[in-house]
PDB file of N, CA and C in Angstrom:
ATOM      1  N   MET A   1      -3.873  88.282  65.281  1.00  0.00           N
ATOM      2  CA  MET A   1      -3.658  87.850  66.578  1.00  0.00           C
ATOM      3  C   MET A   1      -3.515  88.606  67.356  1.00  0.00           C
ATOM      4  N   GLY A   2      -4.542  88.643  68.849  1.00  0.00           N
ATOM      5  CA  GLY A   2      -3.852  89.333  69.559  1.00  0.00           C
ATOM      6  C   GLY A   2      -3.011  88.527  71.117  1.00  0.00           C
ATOM      7  N   SER A   3      -2.522  88.700  72.226  1.00  0.00           N
ATOM      8  CA  SER A   3      -2.214  88.376  73.537  1.00  0.00           C
ATOM      9  C   SER A   3      -2.504  87.165  73.721  1.00  0.00           C
ATOM     10  N   SER A   4      -3.783  86.956  73.382  1.00  0.00           N
ATOM     11  CA  SER A   4      -4.491  85.493  74.228  1.00  0.00           C
ATOM     12  C   SER A   4      -3.686  84.355  73.313  1.00  0.00           C
ATOM     13  N   THR A   5      -3.566  84.481  72.137  1.00  0.00           N
ATOM     14  CA  THR A   5      -3.188  83.400  71.249  1.00  0.00           C
ATOM     15  C   THR A   5      -1.717  83.202  71.327  1.00  0.00           C
ATOM     16  N   GLY A   6      -1.052  84.148  72.143  1.00  0.00           N
ATOM     17  CA  GLY A   6       0.289  84.027  72.803  1.00  0.00           C
ATOM     18  C   GLY A   6       0.373  82.940  74.423  1.00  0.00           C
ATOM     19  N   ALA A   7      -1.172  83.089  74.926  1.00  0.00           N
ATOM     20  CA  ALA A   7      -0.996  82.793  75.948  1.00  0.00           C
ATOM     21  C   ALA A   7      -1.246  80.716  75.686  1.00  0.00           C
ATOM     22  N   ILE A   8      -2.681  81.022  74.904  1.00  0.00           N
ATOM     23  CA  ILE A   8      -3.148  79.429  74.006  1.00  0.00           C
ATOM     24  C   ILE A   8      -1.639  78.559  73.723  1.00  0.00           C
ATOM     25  N   VAL A   9      -0.600  79.477  72.895  1.00  0.00           N
ATOM     26  CA  VAL A   9       0.227  78.636  72.377  1.00  0.00           C
ATOM     27  C   VAL A   9       1.454  78.365  73.240  1.00  0.00           C
ATOM     28  N   SER A  10       1.081  79.653  74.316  1.00  0.00           N
ATOM     29  CA  SER A  10       2.657  78.740  75.669  1.00  0.00           C
ATOM     30  C   SER A  10       1.700  77.795  76.500  1.00  0.00           C
ATOM     31  N   ALA A  11       0.786  77.956  76.634  1.00  0.00           N
ATOM     32  CA  ALA A  11      -0.270  76.873  77.164  1.00  0.00           C
ATOM     33  C   ALA A  11       0.320  75.112  76.711  1.00  0.00           C
ATOM     34  N   GLY A  12      -0.166  75.384  75.070  1.00  0.00           N
ATOM     35  CA  GLY A  12       0.308  74.206  74.289  1.00  0.00           C
ATOM     36  C   GLY A  12       1.577  73.458  74.231  1.00  0.00           C
ATOM     37  N   LEU A  13       2.774  74.790  74.252  1.00  0.00           N
ATOM     38  CA  LEU A  13       3.621  73.875  74.102  1.00  0.00           C
ATOM     39  C   LEU A  13       3.934  73.453  75.685  1.00  0.00           C
ATOM     40  N   HIS A  14       3.571  74.122  76.746  1.00  0.00           N
ATOM     41  CA  HIS A  14       3.853  73.421  78.240  1.00  0.00           C
ATOM     42  C   HIS A  14       3.012  71.913  78.265  1.00  0.00           C
ATOM     43  N   LEU A  15       1.889  72.066  77.694  1.00  0.00           N
ATOM     44  CA  LEU A  15       1.199  70.531  77.650  1.00  0.00           C
ATOM     45  C   LEU A  15       1.601  69.581  76.488  1.00  0.00           C
ATOM     46  N   ALA A  16       2.173  70.102  76.036  1.00  0.00           N
ATOM     47  CA  ALA A  16       3.239  69.154  75.021  1.00  0.00           C
ATOM     48  C   ALA A  16       4.139  68.213  75.045  1.00  0.00           C
ATOM     49  N   GLN A  17       5.098  68.798  76.128  1.00  0.00           N
ATOM     50  CA  GLN A  17       5.850  68.525  77.003  1.00  0.00           C
ATOM     51  C   GLN A  17       5.759  67.214  78.336  1.00  0.00           C
ATOM     52  N   GLN A  18       4.819  67.076  78.305  1.00  0.00           N
ATOM     53  CA  GLN A  18       4.016  66.046  79.262  1.00  0.00           C
ATOM     54  C   GLN A  18       3.191  64.896  78.626  1.00  0.00           C
ATOM     55  N   MET A  19       3.325  65.443  76.963  1.00  0.00           N
ATOM     56  CA  MET A  19       2.578  64.657  76.138  1.00  0.00           C
ATOM     57  C   MET A  19       3.298  63.196  76.057  1.00  0.00           C
ATOM     58  N   PRO A  20       2.864  62.149  75.177  1.00  0.00           N
ATOM     59  CA  PRO A  20       4.182  61.131  74.516  1.00  0.00           C
ATOM     60  C   PRO A  20       4.028  61.637  73.089  1.00  0.00           C
ATOM     61  N   PRO A  21       5.273  61.382  72.896  1.00  0.00           N
ATOM     62  CA  PRO A  21       5.280  61.544  71.610  1.00  0.00           C
ATOM     63  C   PRO A  21       4.631  60.897  70.270  1.00  0.00           C
ATOM     64  N   GLY A  22       4.641  61.709  69.426  1.00  0.00           N
ATOM     65  CA  GLY A  22       3.103  61.456  68.425  1.00  0.00           C
ATOM     66  C   GLY A  22       1.921  62.142  68.574  1.00  0.00           C
ATOM     67  N   SER A  23       1.747  62.761  69.874  1.00  0.00           N
ATOM     68  CA  SER A  23       0.277  62.978  69.980  1.00  0.00           C
ATOM     69  C   SER A  23       0.344  64.296  69.638  1.00  0.00           C
ATOM     70  N   ARG A  24      -0.791  64.823  69.102  1.00  0.00           N
ATOM     71  CA  ARG A  24      -1.332  65.961  68.794  1.00  0.00           C
ATOM     72  C   ARG A  24      -2.302  66.859  69.781  1.00  0.00           C
ATOM     73  N   ILE A  25      -2.364  67.929  69.426  1.00  0.00           N
ATOM     74  CA  ILE A  25      -2.794  69.142  70.278  1.00  0.00           C
ATOM     75  C   ILE A  25      -3.526  70.092  69.265  1.00  0.00           C
ATOM     76  N   ALA A  26      -4.551  70.513  69.414  1.00  0.00           N
ATOM     77  CA  ALA A  26      -5.656  71.594  69.020  1.00  0.00           C
ATOM     78  C   ALA A  26      -5.524  72.808  69.402  1.00  0.00           C
ATOM     79  N   MET A  27      -5.604  74.184  68.891  1.00  0.00           N
ATOM     80  CA  MET A  27      -5.258  75.121  69.284  1.00  0.00           C
ATOM     81  C   MET A  27      -6.153  75.989  68.922  1.00  0.00           C
ATOM     82  N   ILE A  28      -7.627  76.669  69.873  1.00  0.00           N
ATOM     83  CA  ILE A  28      -7.938  77.491  68.700  1.00  0.00           C
ATOM     84  C   ILE A  28      -7.797  79.037  69.378  1.00  0.00           C
ATOM     85  N   ASN A  29      -7.791  79.936  68.049  1.00  0.00           N
ATOM     86  CA  ASN A  29      -6.838  80.935  68.203  1.00  0.00           C
ATOM     87  C   ASN A  29      -8.094  82.003  68.301  1.00  0.00           C
ATOM     88  N   PRO A  30      -9.291  82.684  69.156  1.00  0.00           N
ATOM     89  CA  PRO A  30     -10.326  83.261  68.805  1.00  0.00           C
ATOM     90  C   PRO A  30     -10.307  84.859  68.711  1.00  0.00           C
ATOM     91  N   ASP A  31      -8.517  85.111  68.710  1.00  0.00           N
ATOM     92  CA  ASP A  31      -8.524  86.410  69.124  1.00  0.00           C
ATOM     93  C   ASP A  31      -8.369  87.425  67.563  1.00  0.00           C
ATOM     94  N   ARG A  32      -8.797  88.405  67.294  1.00  0.00           N
ATOM     95  CA  ARG A  32      -7.996  89.391  66.287  1.00  0.00           C
ATOM     96  C   ARG A  32      -6.988  90.796  66.818  1.00  0.00           C
ATOM     97  N   GLY A  33      -6.562  90.746  66.306  1.00  0.00           N
ATOM     98  CA  GLY A  33      -5.113  91.698  66.500  1.00  0.00           C
ATOM     99  C   GLY A  33      -5.701  93.445  66.351  1.00  0.00           C
ATOM    100  N   ASP A  34      -6.564  93.490  66.101  1.00  0.00           N
ATOM    101  CA  ASP A  34      -6.772  95.011  65.721  1.00  0.00           C
ATOM    102  C   ASP A  34      -7.547  95.804  66.801  1.00  0.00           C
ATOM    103  N   ARG A  35      -7.071  95.551  67.976  1.00  0.00           N
ATOM    104  CA  ARG A  35      -7.589  95.619  69.555  1.00  0.00           C
ATOM    105  C   ARG A  35      -6.092  96.052  70.063  1.00  0.00           C
ATOM    106  N   TYR A  36      -5.171  95.578  69.560  1.00  0.00           N
ATOM    107  CA  TYR A  36      -4.142  95.614  69.955  1.00  0.00           C
ATOM    108  C   TYR A  36      -2.925  96.874  68.969  1.00  0.00           C
ATOM    109  N   LEU A  37      -2.981  97.337  68.003  1.00  0.00           N
ATOM    110  CA  LEU A  37      -2.417  98.242  67.091  1.00  0.00           C
ATOM    111  C   LEU A  37      -1.775  99.043  67.959  1.00  0.00           C
ATOM    112  N   GLU A  38      -2.135  99.746  69.017  1.00  0.00           N
ATOM    113  CA  GLU A  38      -1.405 101.003  69.718  1.00  0.00           C
ATOM    114  C   GLU A  38      -0.992 100.278  71.154  1.00  0.00           C
ATOM    115  N   THR A  39      -0.785  98.755  70.768  1.00  0.00           N
ATOM    116  CA  THR A  39       0.552  98.310  72.118  1.00  0.00           C
ATOM    117  C   THR A  39       0.841  97.310  71.116  1.00  0.00           C
ATOM    118  N   ILE A  40       0.616  95.881  71.499  1.00  0.00           N
ATOM    119  CA  ILE A  40       1.993  95.125  70.895  1.00  0.00           C
ATOM    120  C   ILE A  40       2.316  95.072  69.697  1.00  0.00           C
ATOM    121  N   TYR A  41       1.534  95.825  68.450  1.00  0.00           N
ATOM    122  CA  TYR A  41       1.660  95.543  67.332  1.00  0.00           C
ATOM    123  C   TYR A  41       2.311  97.177  66.654  1.00  0.00           C
ATOM    124  N   ASP A  42       2.838  97.662  67.846  1.00  0.00           N
ATOM    125  CA  ASP A  42       3.431  99.022  67.862  1.00  0.00           C
ATOM    126  C   ASP A  42       5.024  98.786  68.155  1.00  0.00           C
ATOM    127  N   LEU A  43       6.297  99.476  67.148  1.00  0.00           N
ATOM    128  CA  LEU A  43       7.334  98.836  67.641  1.00  0.00           C
ATOM    129  C   LEU A  43       7.391  99.942  68.707  1.00  0.00           C
ATOM    130  N   ASP A  44       6.982 101.208  68.949  1.00  0.00           N
ATOM    131  CA  ASP A  44       7.632 102.523  69.476  1.00  0.00           C
ATOM    132  C   ASP A  44       7.212 101.552  71.305  1.00  0.00           C
ATOM    133  N   TRP A  45       5.784 101.301  71.321  1.00  0.00           N
ATOM    134  CA  TRP A  45       5.165 101.072  72.883  1.00  0.00           C
ATOM    135  C   TRP A  45       6.086  99.370  72.945  1.00  0.00           C
ATOM    136  N   LEU A  46       6.828  98.527  72.114  1.00  0.00           N
ATOM    137  CA  LEU A  46       7.299  97.511  72.137  1.00  0.00           C
ATOM    138  C   LEU A  46       8.839  97.608  73.173  1.00  0.00           C
ATOM    139  N   GLN A  47       9.440  98.838  72.386  1.00  0.00           N
ATOM    140  CA  GLN A  47      10.225  98.953  73.088  1.00  0.00           C
ATOM    141  C   GLN A  47      10.321  99.590  74.505  1.00  0.00           C
ATOM    142  N   ASP A  48       9.452 100.954  74.240  1.00  0.00           N
ATOM    143  CA  ASP A  48       8.979 101.706  75.596  1.00  0.00           C
ATOM    144  C   ASP A  48       8.920 100.530  76.959  1.00  0.00           C
ATOM    145  N   ASN A  49       8.121  99.378  76.651  1.00  0.00           N
ATOM    146  CA  ASN A  49       8.018  98.574  77.597  1.00  0.00           C
ATOM    147  C   ASN A  49       8.679  97.226  77.556  1.00  0.00           C
ATOM    148  N   GLY A  50      10.140  97.858  77.104  1.00  0.00           N
ATOM    149  CA  GLY A  50      11.087  96.808  77.237  1.00  0.00           C
ATOM    150  C   GLY A  50      11.296  95.152  76.027  1.00  0.00           C
ATOM    151  N   PHE A  51      10.322  94.979  75.520  1.00  0.00           N
ATOM    152  CA  PHE A  51       9.880  93.806  74.532  1.00  0.00           C
ATOM    153  C   PHE A  51      10.866  94.006  73.316  1.00  0.00           C
ATOM    154  N   THR A  52      11.765  93.111  73.039  1.00  0.00           N
ATOM    155  CA  THR A  52      12.194  92.877  71.740  1.00  0.00           C
ATOM    156  C   THR A  52      11.550  91.088  71.237  1.00  0.00           C
ATOM    157  N   LEU A  53      11.721  91.805  69.696  1.00  0.00           N
ATOM    158  CA  LEU A  53      11.076  91.084  68.345  1.00  0.00           C
ATOM    159  C   LEU A  53      12.199  90.215  68.140  1.00  0.00           C
ATOM    160  N   ILE A  54      11.979  88.757  68.281  1.00  0.00           N
ATOM    161  CA  ILE A  54      12.515  88.132  67.337  1.00  0.00           C
ATOM    162  C   ILE A  54      12.435  87.201  66.262  1.00  0.00           C
ATOM    163  N   PRO A  55      13.571  87.580  65.486  1.00  0.00           N
ATOM    164  CA  PRO A  55      13.003  87.374  63.426  1.00  0.00           C
ATOM    165  C   PRO A  55      12.052  86.114  63.207  1.00  0.00           C
ATOM    166  N   ALA A  56      11.476  85.725  62.658  1.00  0.00           N
ATOM    167  CA  ALA A  56      11.054  84.637  62.245  1.00  0.00           C
ATOM    168  C   ALA A  56      11.910  83.715  61.966  1.00  0.00           C
ATOM    169  N   GLU A  57      13.141  83.955  61.450  1.00  0.00           N
ATOM    170  CA  GLU A  57      14.545  82.997  61.015  1.00  0.00           C
ATOM    171  C   GLU A  57      15.024  82.025  62.288  1.00  0.00           C
ATOM    172  N   HIS A  58      14.530  82.616  63.701  1.00  0.00           N
ATOM    173  CA  HIS A  58      14.858  82.164  64.816  1.00  0.00           C
ATOM    174  C   HIS A  58      13.874  82.071  65.396  1.00  0.00           C
ATOM    175  N   MET A  59      12.823  81.622  65.272  1.00  0.00           N
ATOM    176  CA  MET A  59      11.487  81.458  66.126  1.00  0.00           C
ATOM    177  C   MET A  59      12.058  80.202  66.599  1.00  0.00           C
ATOM    178  N   ASP A  60      12.232  78.671  65.858  1.00  0.00           N
ATOM    179  CA  ASP A  60      12.129  77.818  66.212  1.00  0.00           C
ATOM    180  C   ASP A  60      12.972  77.479  67.436  1.00  0.00           C
ATOM    181  N   VAL A  61      14.433  78.025  67.448  1.00  0.00           N
ATOM    182  CA  VAL A  61      15.421  77.941  68.706  1.00  0.00           C
ATOM    183  C   VAL A  61      14.771  78.678  69.810  1.00  0.00           C
ATOM    184  N   ALA A  62      14.145  79.791  69.760  1.00  0.00           N
ATOM    185  CA  ALA A  62      13.716  80.932  70.772  1.00  0.00           C
ATOM    186  C   ALA A  62      12.626  79.872  71.333  1.00  0.00           C
ATOM    187  N   ILE A  63      11.873  79.152  70.522  1.00  0.00           N
ATOM    188  CA  ILE A  63      10.822  78.212  71.093  1.00  0.00           C
ATOM    189  C   ILE A  63      11.669  76.918  72.149  1.00  0.00           C
ATOM    190  N   GLU A  64      12.334  76.510  71.285  1.00  0.00           N
ATOM    191  CA  GLU A  64      13.319  75.465  72.232  1.00  0.00           C
ATOM    192  C   GLU A  64      13.640  75.953  73.251  1.00  0.00           C
ATOM    193  N   GLN A  65      14.372  76.902  73.289  1.00  0.00           N
ATOM    194  CA  GLN A  65      14.977  77.773  74.484  1.00  0.00           C
ATOM    195  C   GLN A  65      13.951  77.478  76.027  1.00  0.00           C
ATOM    196  N   LEU A  66      12.306  78.093  75.396  1.00  0.00           N
ATOM    197  CA  LEU A  66      11.336  78.330  76.168  1.00  0.00           C
ATOM    198  C   LEU A  66      11.121  76.975  76.744  1.00  0.00           C
ATOM    199  N   CYS A  67      11.075  75.830  75.896  1.00  0.00           N
ATOM    200  CA  CYS A  67      10.823  74.390  76.395  1.00  0.00           C
ATOM    201  C   CYS A  67      11.246  73.858  77.239  1.00  0.00           C
ATOM    202  N   SER A  68      12.665  74.359  76.859  1.00  0.00           N
ATOM    203  CA  SER A  68      13.622  74.171  77.888  1.00  0.00           C
ATOM    204  C   SER A  68      13.918  74.078  79.192  1.00  0.00           C
ATOM    205  N   CYS A  69      13.302  75.608  79.733  1.00  0.00           N
ATOM    206  CA  CYS A  69      13.278  75.820  80.693  1.00  0.00           C
ATOM    207  C   CYS A  69      12.341  74.974  81.597  1.00  0.00           C
ATOM    208  N   GLU A  70      11.717  74.362  80.890  1.00  0.00           N
ATOM    209  CA  GLU A  70      10.455  73.405  81.680  1.00  0.00           C
ATOM    210  C   GLU A  70      11.330  72.274  82.442  1.00  0.00           C
ATOM    211  N   SER A  71      10.512  71.658  82.805  1.00  0.00           N
ATOM    212  CA  SER A  71      10.729  70.702  83.943  1.00  0.00           C
ATOM    213  C   SER A  71      10.718  69.456  82.853  1.00  0.00           C
ATOM    214  N   PRO A  72      11.850  68.516  83.151  1.00  0.00           N
ATOM    215  CA  PRO A  72      11.594  67.066  81.743  1.00  0.00           C
ATOM    216  C   PRO A  72      10.749  66.563  82.713  1.00  0.00           C
ATOM    217  N   ARG A  73      10.319  65.769  80.961  1.00  0.00           N
ATOM    218  CA  ARG A  73       9.232  64.515  81.594  1.00  0.00           C
ATOM    219  C   ARG A  73       9.404  63.910  82.483  1.00  0.00           C
TER     220      ARG A  73
END
C-alpha cells in the first residue's frame, strides 16, 4: 500500500474519535505500493528524510498516542 493508505487510516482514526462507541468505519485502500519502492519502502530514503519505523509490536501504543493528541469528544 502507498502513502494514500496512510492518509485514509489517519482520517479514519480522526473520524472514529467523533463517532459513538460501537460505530464502524469502512476504509477502502485503492493504492499499490510498487510506485513507492524508491521512497517510502526504501530504508535509506526514510532515514535520509528523517522518518523512523515503528516496530509492529509498538504500533498500538503509537496509534493511541496519535489519537490522544486530538481534541476530546
